Amino acid sequence: MHFAFICTDKPGALQVRLDTRPDHLAHLNALNADGKLAFAGPFLGDDGKPTGSLVVVKAETIEEARQIAESDPYAKAGLFSDVQVNAWNWVFNSPEA
């Protein structure tokens, strides 16, 4: 099953994002190597700077998905003001279809 993480950055936290980015990318690369990452990327504001993240993972349960979300270095660094973890159904253009 797929789960979407909709993450909103705290206002004024761009430097936290920049400082933590290498660890965040390593985390995503590890998820990808384990076959758990479907896709990921930042939301952008009108100025083109990141304002949050969208991460979609494969997990057996929502508890596992929440654990993955909580283990993200961005989450551990306190970057996000809000993280929603939602079950998600990939209908169109799914590579697994």
Protein backbone atom coordinates (compact mmCIF):
# COMPACT_ATOMS: atom_id res chain seq x y z
CA MET A 1 0.00 0.00 0.00
CA HIS A 2 1.14 3.55 -0.68
CA PHE A 3 1.17 6.36 1.86
CA ALA A 4 1.62 10.05 1.11
CA PHE A 5 3.41 12.32 3.55
CA ILE A 6 2.31 15.93 3.15
CA CYS A 7 4.80 17.98 5.14
CA THR A 8 4.63 21.71 5.79
CA ASP A 9 7.80 23.59 6.75
CA LYS A 10 7.80 25.90 9.74
CA PRO A 11 7.97 29.57 8.68
CA GLY A 12 11.54 30.83 8.49
CA ALA A 13 13.04 27.32 8.62
CA LEU A 14 14.79 27.33 5.24
CA GLN A 15 18.23 27.14 6.87
CA VAL A 16 17.17 24.03 8.82
CA ARG A 17 16.15 22.47 5.51
CA LEU A 18 19.44 23.41 3.84
CA ASP A 19 21.56 22.19 6.77
CA THR A 20 19.70 18.88 7.01
CA ARG A 21 19.33 18.18 3.27
CA PRO A 22 22.33 15.81 2.91
CA ASP A 23 21.01 13.56 5.70
CA HIS A 24 17.47 13.78 4.28
CA LEU A 25 18.69 12.71 0.83
CA ALA A 26 20.66 9.83 2.35
CA HIS A 27 17.46 8.75 4.14
CA LEU A 28 15.48 8.85 0.89
CA ASN A 29 18.23 6.98 -0.97
CA ALA A 30 18.11 4.23 1.69
CA LEU A 31 14.32 4.00 1.37
CA ASN A 32 14.71 3.81 -2.41
CA ALA A 33 17.33 1.05 -2.15
CA ASP A 34 14.93 -0.89 0.10
CA GLY A 35 12.14 -0.52 -2.49
CA LYS A 36 10.03 1.60 -0.14
CA LEU A 37 10.22 5.01 -1.85
CA ALA A 38 7.77 5.68 -4.69
CA PHE A 39 8.68 9.35 -5.22
CA ALA A 40 9.47 12.53 -3.33
CA GLY A 41 10.10 16.24 -3.76
CA PRO A 42 9.59 19.67 -2.25
CA PHE A 43 6.63 21.98 -2.53
CA LEU A 44 7.75 25.41 -3.75
CA GLY A 45 6.52 28.86 -2.83
CA ASP A 46 5.98 31.74 -5.26
CA ASP A 47 9.64 32.64 -4.79
CA GLY A 48 10.73 29.15 -5.88
CA LYS A 49 11.99 28.23 -2.40
CA PRO A 50 10.87 25.04 -0.64
CA THR A 51 7.86 25.29 1.67
CA GLY A 52 7.31 21.62 2.44
CA SER A 53 7.63 18.12 1.06
CA LEU A 54 5.61 15.40 -0.62
CA VAL A 55 6.94 11.89 -0.01
CA VAL A 56 5.13 8.74 -1.13
CA VAL A 57 6.27 5.42 0.31
CA LYS A 58 5.24 1.79 0.19
CA ALA A 59 4.43 0.30 3.60
CA GLU A 60 2.35 -2.54 5.00
CA THR A 61 0.51 -0.42 7.57
CA ILE A 62 -0.07 3.21 8.47
CA GLU A 63 1.97 2.61 11.62
CA GLU A 64 4.96 1.59 9.51
CA ALA A 65 4.42 4.63 7.28
CA ARG A 66 4.31 6.92 10.32
CA GLN A 67 7.53 5.39 11.59
CA ILE A 68 9.16 6.11 8.23
CA ALA A 69 7.91 9.71 8.34
CA GLU A 70 9.18 10.20 11.89
CA SER A 71 12.62 8.81 11.00
CA ASP A 72 13.19 11.44 8.30
CA PRO A 73 16.06 13.74 9.29
CA TYR A 74 13.90 16.75 8.38
CA ALA A 75 11.29 15.62 10.93
CA LYS A 76 13.96 14.91 13.56
CA ALA A 77 15.45 18.39 12.99
CA GLY A 78 12.07 20.02 13.64
CA LEU A 79 11.69 21.40 10.11
CA PHE A 80 7.99 20.63 9.79
CA SER A 81 5.08 22.41 11.44
CA ASP A 82 2.73 19.66 10.24
CA VAL A 83 3.01 16.18 8.74
CA GLN A 84 -0.03 14.36 7.40
CA VAL A 85 0.30 10.64 6.65
CA ASN A 86 -2.48 9.44 4.35
CA ALA A 87 -3.15 6.12 2.65
CA TRP A 88 -2.96 6.81 -1.07
CA ASN A 89 -4.10 4.90 -4.16
CA TRP A 90 -1.91 5.39 -7.24
CA VAL A 91 -4.44 5.11 -10.07
CA PHE A 92 -2.98 6.81 -13.15
CA ASN A 93 0.52 6.24 -14.53
CA SER A 94 1.51 3.85 -11.75
CA PRO A 95 4.65 1.98 -12.77
CA GLU A 96 3.21 -1.10 -11.07
CA ALA A 97 0.06 -1.13 -13.22
